């Protein structure tokens, strides 16, 4: 089991962020969401530096937090109070890191909830919790997590579903050309583009990047230039999206490996338990036969 918990997602993220940005064609062809793939935590970046070093962390917290806002400890405690059942380590480790980083996003001055961000988180969460033993517990954890951040889990799910349904009806051209059309989703995207253009009322994050890629996937868009056009339409830095999606893909692979180790561990423990129970049953039968033979003398 030690092998499962030894995966350091923060360290992986820091290492991956030092890599150069990849070309769009690299991940458009290979970075596909899979039902058995899960997600690790994200790093949050401030407007001036990466949230990957201790010095950057300090500046980020001073810039974004104030004394009247909830602390990270309070957010984590709210989650633990809302969901009191134990969570398997491979899931809990990622959830705890993710809730800390999302707390920092939520209480950044420029943060404002938007459905693309929600789509990104729902996509991440559903992949992370793929294969969780209980669907009911999975839903309860989702509810506790979002409410710990003082947001609405029903809104997250509803907005994610709305954008998924919209994306399935789009193609490469209509996905990018949202600004020339009217509609509920189109108007939301226009608002995001307007806020992102001001730089002071929009908070970019990797969850937002994942939401963008999910839109492309659902629209069956494989042309690598479309993401570039979509980023331009939304006033989002393409290089940041490229880098973050590359990190995301690498982290997915690491978490899949961790979950495979967990699966092997569980199966091995079941086998050992079965062998112990079988041995006890054989011993009981042997004892009964011995008692029967002794009584018949």
C-alpha atoms as a PDB file:
ATOM      1  CA  UNK A   1       0.000   0.000   0.000  1.00  0.00           C
ATOM      2  CA  UNK A   2       2.982   2.265   0.561  1.00  0.00           C
ATOM      3  CA  UNK A   3       3.558   2.328  -3.168  1.00  0.00           C
ATOM      4  CA  UNK A   4       0.136   3.853  -3.694  1.00  0.00           C
ATOM      5  CA  UNK A   5       0.519   6.680  -1.231  1.00  0.00           C
ATOM      6  CA  UNK A   6       4.050   7.522  -2.322  1.00  0.00           C
ATOM      7  CA  UNK A   7       2.922   9.248  -5.512  1.00  0.00           C
ATOM      8  CA  UNK A   8       3.555  12.978  -4.994  1.00  0.00           C
ATOM      9  CA  UNK A   9       1.206  14.877  -7.266  1.00  0.00           C
ATOM     10  CA  UNK A  10       2.557  18.269  -6.238  1.00  0.00           C
ATOM     11  CA  UNK A  11       6.077  17.199  -7.128  1.00  0.00           C
ATOM     12  CA  UNK A  12       4.894  15.827 -10.442  1.00  0.00           C
ATOM     13  CA  UNK A  13       3.174  19.087 -11.223  1.00  0.00           C
ATOM     14  CA  UNK A  14       6.238  21.135 -10.381  1.00  0.00           C
ATOM     15  CA  UNK A  15       8.397  18.956 -12.602  1.00  0.00           C
ATOM     16  CA  UNK A  16       5.963  19.056 -15.477  1.00  0.00           C
ATOM     17  CA  UNK A  17       5.663  22.827 -15.368  1.00  0.00           C
ATOM     18  CA  UNK A  18       9.372  23.169 -16.067  1.00  0.00           C
ATOM     19  CA  UNK A  19       8.868  21.526 -19.455  1.00  0.00           C
ATOM     20  CA  UNK A  20       8.458  23.683 -22.507  1.00  0.00           C
ATOM     21  CA  UNK A  21       5.007  24.136 -24.015  1.00  0.00           C
ATOM     22  CA  UNK A  22       3.986  21.511 -26.548  1.00  0.00           C
ATOM     23  CA  UNK A  23       2.479  22.054 -29.942  1.00  0.00           C
ATOM     24  CA  UNK A  24      -1.319  21.844 -30.222  1.00  0.00           C
ATOM     25  CA  UNK A  25      -1.151  18.761 -32.434  1.00  0.00           C
ATOM     26  CA  UNK A  26       0.608  16.823 -29.684  1.00  0.00           C
ATOM     27  CA  UNK A  27      -2.282  16.781 -27.271  1.00  0.00           C
ATOM     28  CA  UNK A  28      -5.240  17.180 -29.639  1.00  0.00           C
ATOM     29  CA  UNK A  29      -4.411  13.779 -31.089  1.00  0.00           C
ATOM     30  CA  UNK A  30      -3.402  12.034 -27.858  1.00  0.00           C
ATOM     31  CA  UNK A  31      -5.041  13.814 -24.953  1.00  0.00           C
ATOM     32  CA  UNK A  32      -8.401  12.059 -24.954  1.00  0.00           C
ATOM     33  CA  UNK A  33     -10.635  11.600 -21.950  1.00  0.00           C
ATOM     34  CA  UNK A  34     -11.033   7.957 -21.056  1.00  0.00           C
ATOM     35  CA  UNK A  35     -13.561   6.338 -18.738  1.00  0.00           C
ATOM     36  CA  UNK A  36     -10.808   4.669 -16.722  1.00  0.00           C
ATOM     37  CA  UNK A  37      -8.671   7.768 -16.428  1.00  0.00           C
ATOM     38  CA  UNK A  38      -8.590   9.949 -13.396  1.00  0.00           C
ATOM     39  CA  UNK A  39      -7.246  13.261 -12.418  1.00  0.00           C
ATOM     40  CA  UNK A  40      -4.709  14.682 -10.046  1.00  0.00           C
ATOM     41  CA  UNK A  41      -4.630  18.079  -8.425  1.00  0.00           C
ATOM     42  CA  UNK A  42      -3.800  21.345 -10.172  1.00  0.00           C
ATOM     43  CA  UNK A  43      -1.392  24.091  -9.286  1.00  0.00           C
ATOM     44  CA  UNK A  44      -2.806  27.586  -9.189  1.00  0.00           C
ATOM     45  CA  UNK A  45      -0.910  30.408 -10.814  1.00  0.00           C
ATOM     46  CA  UNK A  46      -0.966  34.038  -9.815  1.00  0.00           C
ATOM     47  CA  UNK A  47      -0.928  36.748 -12.471  1.00  0.00           C
ATOM     48  CA  UNK A  48       2.839  37.124 -12.211  1.00  0.00           C
ATOM     49  CA  UNK A  49       4.290  33.755 -11.277  1.00  0.00           C
ATOM     50  CA  UNK A  50       3.708  30.014 -11.056  1.00  0.00           C
ATOM     51  CA  UNK A  51       2.309  28.638  -7.832  1.00  0.00           C
ATOM     52  CA  UNK A  52       5.031  26.070  -7.609  1.00  0.00           C
ATOM     53  CA  UNK A  53       7.745  27.534  -5.378  1.00  0.00           C
ATOM     54  CA  UNK A  54       7.679  28.538  -1.740  1.00  0.00           C
ATOM     55  CA  UNK A  55       8.392  32.172  -2.483  1.00  0.00           C
ATOM     56  CA  UNK A  56       5.617  32.332  -5.070  1.00  0.00           C
ATOM     57  CA  UNK A  57       3.260  30.667  -2.630  1.00  0.00           C
ATOM     58  CA  UNK A  58       3.877  33.357  -0.026  1.00  0.00           C
ATOM     59  CA  UNK A  59       3.275  36.190  -2.459  1.00  0.00           C
ATOM     60  CA  UNK A  60       0.159  34.506  -3.759  1.00  0.00           C
ATOM     61  CA  UNK A  61      -1.395  34.127  -0.306  1.00  0.00           C
ATOM     62  CA  UNK A  62      -0.599  37.684   0.726  1.00  0.00           C
ATOM     63  CA  UNK A  63      -2.094  38.998  -2.487  1.00  0.00           C
ATOM     64  CA  UNK A  64      -5.258  36.915  -2.496  1.00  0.00           C
ATOM     65  CA  UNK A  65      -6.235  36.310   1.102  1.00  0.00           C
ATOM     66  CA  UNK A  66      -7.474  38.656   3.767  1.00  0.00           C
ATOM     67  CA  UNK A  67      -8.225  38.160   7.440  1.00  0.00           C
ATOM     68  CA  UNK A  68     -12.004  38.132   6.968  1.00  0.00           C
ATOM     69  CA  UNK A  69     -11.930  35.256   4.471  1.00  0.00           C
ATOM     70  CA  UNK A  70     -12.059  31.560   5.412  1.00  0.00           C
ATOM     71  CA  UNK A  71      -8.695  29.914   5.874  1.00  0.00           C
ATOM     72  CA  UNK A  72      -7.615  26.767   4.055  1.00  0.00           C
ATOM     73  CA  UNK A  73      -7.918  24.881   7.342  1.00  0.00           C
ATOM     74  CA  UNK A  74     -11.516  26.043   7.766  1.00  0.00           C
ATOM     75  CA  UNK A  75     -12.433  24.951   4.241  1.00  0.00           C
ATOM     76  CA  UNK A  76     -10.891  21.521   4.799  1.00  0.00           C
ATOM     77  CA  UNK A  77     -12.622  21.223   8.163  1.00  0.00           C
ATOM     78  CA  UNK A  78     -15.975  22.111   6.582  1.00  0.00           C
ATOM     79  CA  UNK A  79     -15.473  19.305   4.102  1.00  0.00           C
ATOM     80  CA  UNK A  80     -14.567  16.793   6.812  1.00  0.00           C
ATOM     81  CA  UNK A  81     -17.579  17.823   8.900  1.00  0.00           C
ATOM     82  CA  UNK A  82     -19.935  17.445   5.947  1.00  0.00           C
ATOM     83  CA  UNK A  83     -18.586  14.047   4.924  1.00  0.00           C
ATOM     84  CA  UNK A  84     -17.446  12.054   7.946  1.00  0.00           C
ATOM     85  CA  UNK A  85     -16.976   8.621   6.378  1.00  0.00           C
ATOM     86  CA  UNK A  86     -13.431   7.422   5.570  1.00  0.00           C
ATOM     87  CA  UNK A  87     -12.249   7.891   1.980  1.00  0.00           C
ATOM     88  CA  UNK A  88      -9.692   5.477   0.442  1.00  0.00           C
ATOM     89  CA  UNK A  89      -6.222   7.003   0.487  1.00  0.00           C
ATOM     90  CA  UNK A  90      -5.676   7.177  -3.269  1.00  0.00           C
ATOM     91  CA  UNK A  91      -8.835   9.296  -3.609  1.00  0.00           C
ATOM     92  CA  UNK A  92      -8.514  11.249  -0.370  1.00  0.00           C
ATOM     93  CA  UNK A  93      -4.947  12.382  -1.033  1.00  0.00           C
ATOM     94  CA  UNK A  94      -5.935  13.985  -4.320  1.00  0.00           C
ATOM     95  CA  UNK A  95      -9.160  15.460  -2.936  1.00  0.00           C
ATOM     96  CA  UNK A  96      -7.347  17.111  -0.034  1.00  0.00           C
ATOM     97  CA  UNK A  97      -4.731  18.669  -2.314  1.00  0.00           C
ATOM     98  CA  UNK A  98      -7.339  19.746  -4.829  1.00  0.00           C
ATOM     99  CA  UNK A  99      -9.584  21.416  -2.250  1.00  0.00           C
ATOM    100  CA  UNK A 100      -6.627  23.441  -0.940  1.00  0.00           C
ATOM    101  CA  UNK A 101      -5.726  24.675  -4.404  1.00  0.00           C
ATOM    102  CA  UNK A 102      -9.337  25.375  -5.351  1.00  0.00           C
ATOM    103  CA  UNK A 103      -9.723  27.332  -2.115  1.00  0.00           C
ATOM    104  CA  UNK A 104      -6.917  29.607  -3.311  1.00  0.00           C
ATOM    105  CA  UNK A 105      -8.691  30.054  -6.643  1.00  0.00           C
ATOM    106  CA  UNK A 106     -12.048  30.744  -5.016  1.00  0.00           C
ATOM    107  CA  UNK A 107     -10.748  33.494  -2.738  1.00  0.00           C
ATOM    108  CA  UNK A 108      -8.547  35.193  -5.279  1.00  0.00           C
ATOM    109  CA  UNK A 109      -9.718  38.774  -5.830  1.00  0.00           C
ATOM    110  CA  UNK A 110     -10.326  38.270  -9.544  1.00  0.00           C
ATOM    111  CA  UNK A 111     -12.306  35.027  -9.118  1.00  0.00           C
ATOM    112  CA  UNK A 112     -15.867  34.831 -10.323  1.00  0.00           C
ATOM    113  CA  UNK A 113     -17.759  31.605 -10.845  1.00  0.00           C
ATOM    114  CA  UNK A 114     -18.346  30.630 -14.459  1.00  0.00           C
ATOM    115  CA  UNK A 115     -19.766  27.460 -16.084  1.00  0.00           C
ATOM    116  CA  UNK A 116     -16.605  26.647 -18.067  1.00  0.00           C
ATOM    117  CA  UNK A 117     -14.725  26.432 -14.772  1.00  0.00           C
ATOM    118  CA  UNK A 118     -17.576  24.286 -13.397  1.00  0.00           C
ATOM    119  CA  UNK A 119     -17.388  21.994 -16.438  1.00  0.00           C
ATOM    120  CA  UNK A 120     -13.663  21.619 -15.882  1.00  0.00           C
ATOM    121  CA  UNK A 121     -14.099  20.690 -12.235  1.00  0.00           C
ATOM    122  CA  UNK A 122     -16.973  18.263 -12.884  1.00  0.00           C
ATOM    123  CA  UNK A 123     -14.883  16.594 -15.593  1.00  0.00           C
ATOM    124  CA  UNK A 124     -11.936  16.305 -13.227  1.00  0.00           C
ATOM    125  CA  UNK A 125     -14.029  15.050 -10.318  1.00  0.00           C
ATOM    126  CA  UNK A 126     -15.889  12.424 -12.331  1.00  0.00           C
ATOM    127  CA  UNK A 127     -12.644  11.050 -13.733  1.00  0.00           C
ATOM    128  CA  UNK A 128     -10.965  11.090 -10.340  1.00  0.00           C
ATOM    129  CA  UNK A 129     -13.840   9.206  -8.717  1.00  0.00           C
ATOM    130  CA  UNK A 130     -14.330   6.751 -11.580  1.00  0.00           C
ATOM    131  CA  UNK A 131     -14.598   3.313 -10.038  1.00  0.00           C
ATOM    132  CA  UNK A 132     -15.362   4.593  -6.523  1.00  0.00           C
ATOM    133  CA  UNK A 133     -17.043   1.765  -4.552  1.00  0.00           C
ATOM    134  CA  UNK A 134     -20.313   3.628  -3.897  1.00  0.00           C
ATOM    135  CA  UNK A 135     -22.126   5.966  -6.300  1.00  0.00           C
ATOM    136  CA  UNK A 136     -24.115   7.381  -3.381  1.00  0.00           C
ATOM    137  CA  UNK A 137     -20.911   8.214  -1.498  1.00  0.00           C
ATOM    138  CA  UNK A 138     -19.411   9.710  -4.641  1.00  0.00           C
ATOM    139  CA  UNK A 139     -22.339  12.134  -4.902  1.00  0.00           C
ATOM    140  CA  UNK A 140     -22.166  12.923  -1.189  1.00  0.00           C
ATOM    141  CA  UNK A 141     -18.453  13.710  -1.408  1.00  0.00           C
ATOM    142  CA  UNK A 142     -19.083  16.013  -4.373  1.00  0.00           C
ATOM    143  CA  UNK A 143     -21.767  17.874  -2.425  1.00  0.00           C
ATOM    144  CA  UNK A 144     -19.586  18.205   0.685  1.00  0.00           C
ATOM    145  CA  UNK A 145     -16.610  19.379  -1.367  1.00  0.00           C
ATOM    146  CA  UNK A 146     -18.417  22.167  -3.242  1.00  0.00           C
ATOM    147  CA  UNK A 147     -20.344  23.353  -0.181  1.00  0.00           C
ATOM    148  CA  UNK A 148     -17.090  23.534   1.794  1.00  0.00           C
ATOM    149  CA  UNK A 149     -16.056  26.189  -0.741  1.00  0.00           C
ATOM    150  CA  UNK A 150     -19.329  28.053  -0.136  1.00  0.00           C
ATOM    151  CA  UNK A 151     -20.636  27.277  -3.606  1.00  0.00           C
ATOM    152  CA  UNK A 152     -23.627  25.381  -4.983  1.00  0.00           C
ATOM    153  CA  UNK A 153     -23.082  21.740  -6.084  1.00  0.00           C
ATOM    154  CA  UNK A 154     -26.430  21.715  -7.896  1.00  0.00           C
ATOM    155  CA  UNK A 155     -25.335  24.705  -9.973  1.00  0.00           C
ATOM    156  CA  UNK A 156     -22.025  23.038 -10.827  1.00  0.00           C
ATOM    157  CA  UNK A 157     -23.770  19.928 -12.122  1.00  0.00           C
ATOM    158  CA  UNK A 158     -26.497  21.824 -13.956  1.00  0.00           C
ATOM    159  CA  UNK A 159     -24.081  24.189 -15.691  1.00  0.00           C
ATOM    160  CA  UNK A 160     -21.724  21.380 -16.634  1.00  0.00           C
ATOM    161  CA  UNK A 161     -24.603  19.410 -18.142  1.00  0.00           C
ATOM    162  CA  UNK A 162     -25.859  22.492 -20.002  1.00  0.00           C
ATOM    163  CA  UNK A 163     -22.457  23.124 -21.576  1.00  0.00           C
ATOM    164  CA  UNK A 164     -21.968  19.457 -22.409  1.00  0.00           C
ATOM    165  CA  UNK A 165     -25.300  19.321 -24.216  1.00  0.00           C
ATOM    166  CA  UNK A 166     -24.500  22.552 -26.059  1.00  0.00           C
ATOM    167  CA  UNK A 167     -21.037  21.377 -27.116  1.00  0.00           C
ATOM    168  CA  UNK A 168     -22.426  18.164 -28.586  1.00  0.00           C
ATOM    169  CA  UNK A 169     -24.451  20.239 -31.053  1.00  0.00           C
ATOM    170  CA  UNK A 170     -21.482  22.351 -32.161  1.00  0.00           C
ATOM    171  CA  UNK A 171     -18.756  22.005 -34.761  1.00  0.00           C
ATOM    172  CA  UNK A 172     -15.375  23.646 -35.201  1.00  0.00           C
ATOM    173  CA  UNK A 173     -16.827  26.785 -36.767  1.00  0.00           C
ATOM    174  CA  UNK A 174     -19.792  27.374 -34.455  1.00  0.00           C
ATOM    175  CA  UNK A 175     -17.732  26.639 -31.345  1.00  0.00           C
ATOM    176  CA  UNK A 176     -15.338  29.455 -32.137  1.00  0.00           C
ATOM    177  CA  UNK A 177     -17.924  31.842 -33.594  1.00  0.00           C
ATOM    178  CA  UNK A 178     -20.047  32.085 -30.435  1.00  0.00           C
ATOM    179  CA  UNK A 179     -19.740  35.880 -30.301  1.00  0.00           C
ATOM    180  CA  UNK A 180     -21.829  36.324 -33.443  1.00  0.00           C
ATOM    181  CA  UNK A 181     -24.792  34.328 -32.123  1.00  0.00           C
ATOM    182  CA  UNK A 182     -27.354  34.701 -29.359  1.00  0.00           C
ATOM    183  CA  UNK A 183     -28.164  32.004 -26.861  1.00  0.00           C
ATOM    184  CA  UNK A 184     -27.773  31.207 -23.176  1.00  0.00           C
ATOM    185  CA  UNK A 185     -24.397  29.502 -23.518  1.00  0.00           C
ATOM    186  CA  UNK A 186     -23.187  31.950 -26.157  1.00  0.00           C
ATOM    187  CA  UNK A 187     -24.002  34.881 -23.861  1.00  0.00           C
ATOM    188  CA  UNK A 188     -22.115  33.267 -20.989  1.00  0.00           C
ATOM    189  CA  UNK A 189     -19.067  32.815 -23.224  1.00  0.00           C
ATOM    190  CA  UNK A 190     -19.322  36.459 -24.325  1.00  0.00           C
ATOM    191  CA  UNK A 191     -19.334  37.543 -20.689  1.00  0.00           C
ATOM    192  CA  UNK A 192     -16.255  35.413 -19.974  1.00  0.00           C
ATOM    193  CA  UNK A 193     -14.470  36.907 -22.985  1.00  0.00           C
ATOM    194  CA  UNK A 194     -15.310  40.426 -21.854  1.00  0.00           C
ATOM    195  CA  UNK A 195     -14.101  39.811 -18.308  1.00  0.00           C
ATOM    196  CA  UNK A 196     -10.956  38.003 -19.469  1.00  0.00           C
ATOM    197  CA  UNK A 197     -10.143  40.999 -21.644  1.00  0.00           C
ATOM    198  CA  UNK A 198     -10.028  43.318 -18.631  1.00  0.00           C
ATOM    199  CA  UNK A 199      -7.563  41.068 -16.731  1.00  0.00           C
ATOM    200  CA  UNK A 200      -8.983  42.211 -13.376  1.00  0.00           C
ATOM    201  CA  UNK A 201     -12.301  40.384 -13.268  1.00  0.00           C
ATOM    202  CA  UNK A 202     -11.291  36.987 -14.594  1.00  0.00           C
ATOM    203  CA  UNK A 203      -9.336  34.257 -12.815  1.00  0.00           C
ATOM    204  CA  UNK A 204      -7.670  31.790 -15.161  1.00  0.00           C
ATOM    205  CA  UNK A 205      -6.963  28.312 -13.811  1.00  0.00           C
ATOM    206  CA  UNK A 206      -6.273  24.826 -15.069  1.00  0.00           C
ATOM    207  CA  UNK A 207      -9.846  23.871 -14.274  1.00  0.00           C
ATOM    208  CA  UNK A 208     -10.895  26.480 -16.821  1.00  0.00           C
ATOM    209  CA  UNK A 209      -8.401  25.006 -19.329  1.00  0.00           C
ATOM    210  CA  UNK A 210      -9.869  21.541 -18.813  1.00  0.00           C
ATOM    211  CA  UNK A 211     -13.354  22.983 -19.375  1.00  0.00           C
ATOM    212  CA  UNK A 212     -12.228  24.422 -22.711  1.00  0.00           C
ATOM    213  CA  UNK A 213     -10.754  21.131 -23.825  1.00  0.00           C
ATOM    214  CA  UNK A 214     -13.881  19.277 -22.775  1.00  0.00           C
ATOM    215  CA  UNK A 215     -15.907  21.538 -25.077  1.00  0.00           C
ATOM    216  CA  UNK A 216     -13.608  20.642 -27.969  1.00  0.00           C
ATOM    217  CA  UNK A 217     -13.866  16.948 -27.207  1.00  0.00           C
ATOM    218  CA  UNK A 218     -17.663  16.930 -27.002  1.00  0.00           C
ATOM    219  CA  UNK A 219     -17.857  18.839 -30.296  1.00  0.00           C
ATOM    220  CA  UNK A 220     -15.572  16.187 -31.862  1.00  0.00           C
ATOM    221  CA  UNK A 221     -13.057  18.846 -32.837  1.00  0.00           C
ATOM    222  CA  UNK A 222      -9.629  17.444 -33.713  1.00  0.00           C
ATOM    223  CA  UNK A 223      -8.137  20.378 -35.619  1.00  0.00           C
ATOM    224  CA  UNK A 224      -5.359  21.773 -33.363  1.00  0.00           C
ATOM    225  CA  UNK A 225      -5.912  25.309 -34.657  1.00  0.00           C
ATOM    226  CA  UNK A 226      -9.437  25.456 -33.230  1.00  0.00           C
ATOM    227  CA  UNK A 227      -8.225  25.612 -29.636  1.00  0.00           C
ATOM    228  CA  UNK A 228      -6.035  28.547 -30.601  1.00  0.00           C
ATOM    229  CA  UNK A 229      -9.011  30.323 -32.162  1.00  0.00           C
ATOM    230  CA  UNK A 230     -11.225  29.541 -29.165  1.00  0.00           C
ATOM    231  CA  UNK A 231      -8.618  30.943 -26.772  1.00  0.00           C
ATOM    232  CA  UNK A 232      -8.380  34.087 -28.886  1.00  0.00           C
ATOM    233  CA  UNK A 233     -12.166  34.475 -28.848  1.00  0.00           C
ATOM    234  CA  UNK A 234     -12.182  34.152 -25.063  1.00  0.00           C
ATOM    235  CA  UNK A 235      -9.144  36.429 -24.560  1.00  0.00           C
ATOM    236  CA  UNK A 236      -7.295  33.542 -22.906  1.00  0.00           C
ATOM    237  CA  UNK A 237      -3.558  32.956 -23.183  1.00  0.00           C
ATOM    238  CA  UNK A 238      -3.022  29.978 -25.493  1.00  0.00           C
ATOM    239  CA  UNK A 239       0.434  29.207 -24.120  1.00  0.00           C
ATOM    240  CA  UNK A 240      -0.984  28.843 -20.609  1.00  0.00           C
ATOM    241  CA  UNK A 241      -3.696  26.502 -21.862  1.00  0.00           C
ATOM    242  CA  UNK A 242      -1.149  24.404 -23.798  1.00  0.00           C
ATOM    243  CA  UNK A 243       1.072  24.071 -20.750  1.00  0.00           C
ATOM    244  CA  UNK A 244      -1.754  23.297 -18.370  1.00  0.00           C
ATOM    245  CA  UNK A 245      -3.291  20.643 -20.598  1.00  0.00           C
ATOM    246  CA  UNK A 246       0.093  18.995 -20.973  1.00  0.00           C
ATOM    247  CA  UNK A 247       0.500  18.933 -17.192  1.00  0.00           C
ATOM    248  CA  UNK A 248      -3.019  17.585 -16.862  1.00  0.00           C
ATOM    249  CA  UNK A 249      -2.324  14.742 -19.283  1.00  0.00           C
ATOM    250  CA  UNK A 250       0.827  13.757 -17.382  1.00  0.00           C
ATOM    251  CA  UNK A 251      -0.978  13.827 -14.057  1.00  0.00           C
ATOM    252  CA  UNK A 252      -3.776  11.668 -15.413  1.00  0.00           C
ATOM    253  CA  UNK A 253      -1.240   9.007 -16.277  1.00  0.00           C
ATOM    254  CA  UNK A 254       0.290   9.120 -12.792  1.00  0.00           C
ATOM    255  CA  UNK A 255      -3.061   8.774 -11.076  1.00  0.00           C
ATOM    256  CA  UNK A 256      -4.070   5.867 -13.303  1.00  0.00           C
ATOM    257  CA  UNK A 257      -0.907   4.089 -12.194  1.00  0.00           C
ATOM    258  CA  UNK A 258      -1.716   4.784  -8.543  1.00  0.00           C
ATOM    259  CA  UNK A 259      -5.237   3.410  -8.916  1.00  0.00           C
ATOM    260  CA  UNK A 260      -3.883   0.302 -10.631  1.00  0.00           C
ATOM    261  CA  UNK A 261      -1.588  -0.247  -7.651  1.00  0.00           C
ATOM    262  CA  UNK A 262      -4.559   0.167  -5.343  1.00  0.00           C
ATOM    263  CA  UNK A 263      -6.571  -2.345  -7.356  1.00  0.00           C
ATOM    264  CA  UNK A 264      -3.752  -4.875  -7.187  1.00  0.00           C
ATOM    265  CA  UNK A 265      -3.433  -4.321  -3.438  1.00  0.00           C
ATOM    266  CA  UNK A 266      -7.159  -4.837  -2.843  1.00  0.00           C
ATOM    267  CA  UNK A 267      -7.211  -7.995  -4.948  1.00  0.00           C
ATOM    268  CA  UNK A 268      -4.148  -9.328  -3.151  1.00  0.00           C
ATOM    269  CA  UNK A 269      -5.741  -8.654   0.255  1.00  0.00           C
ATOM    270  CA  UNK A 270      -8.972 -10.350  -0.828  1.00  0.00           C
ATOM    271  CA  UNK A 271      -6.997 -13.399  -1.923  1.00  0.00           C
ATOM    272  CA  UNK A 272      -5.120 -13.539   1.376  1.00  0.00           C
ATOM    273  CA  UNK A 273      -8.357 -13.137   3.321  1.00  0.00           C
ATOM    274  CA  UNK A 274      -9.965 -15.885   1.277  1.00  0.00           C
ATOM    275  CA  UNK A 275      -7.035 -18.207   1.927  1.00  0.00           C
ATOM    276  CA  UNK A 276      -7.196 -17.493   5.677  1.00  0.00           C
ATOM    277  CA  UNK A 277     -10.928 -18.161   5.760  1.00  0.00           C
ATOM    278  CA  UNK A 278     -10.464 -21.352   3.756  1.00  0.00           C
ATOM    279  CA  UNK A 279      -7.767 -22.494   6.160  1.00  0.00           C
ATOM    280  CA  UNK A 280     -10.017 -21.800   9.150  1.00  0.00           C
ATOM    281  CA  UNK A 281     -12.856 -23.738   7.512  1.00  0.00           C
ATOM    282  CA  UNK A 282     -10.563 -26.692   6.837  1.00  0.00           C
ATOM    283  CA  UNK A 283      -9.353 -26.618  10.418  1.00  0.00           C
ATOM    284  CA  UNK A 284     -12.946 -26.558  11.675  1.00  0.00           C
ATOM    285  CA  UNK A 285     -13.884 -29.512   9.483  1.00  0.00           C
ATOM    286  CA  UNK A 286     -10.792 -31.435  10.581  1.00  0.00           C
ATOM    287  CA  UNK A 287     -11.647 -30.765  14.224  1.00  0.00           C
ATOM    288  CA  UNK A 288     -15.238 -31.893  13.751  1.00  0.00           C
ATOM    289  CA  UNK A 289     -14.130 -35.093  12.045  1.00  0.00           C
ATOM    290  CA  UNK A 290     -11.615 -35.706  14.806  1.00  0.00           C
ATOM    291  CA  UNK A 291     -14.282 -35.223  17.469  1.00  0.00           C
ATOM    292  CA  UNK A 292     -16.650 -37.528  15.569  1.00  0.00           C
ATOM    293  CA  UNK A 293     -14.021 -40.248  15.246  1.00  0.00           C
ATOM    294  CA  UNK A 294     -13.119 -39.933  18.957  1.00  0.00           C
ATOM    295  CA  UNK A 295     -16.795 -40.179  19.983  1.00  0.00           C
ATOM    296  CA  UNK A 296     -17.279 -43.308  17.871  1.00  0.00           C
ATOM    297  CA  UNK A 297     -14.598 -45.254  19.648  1.00  0.00           C
END
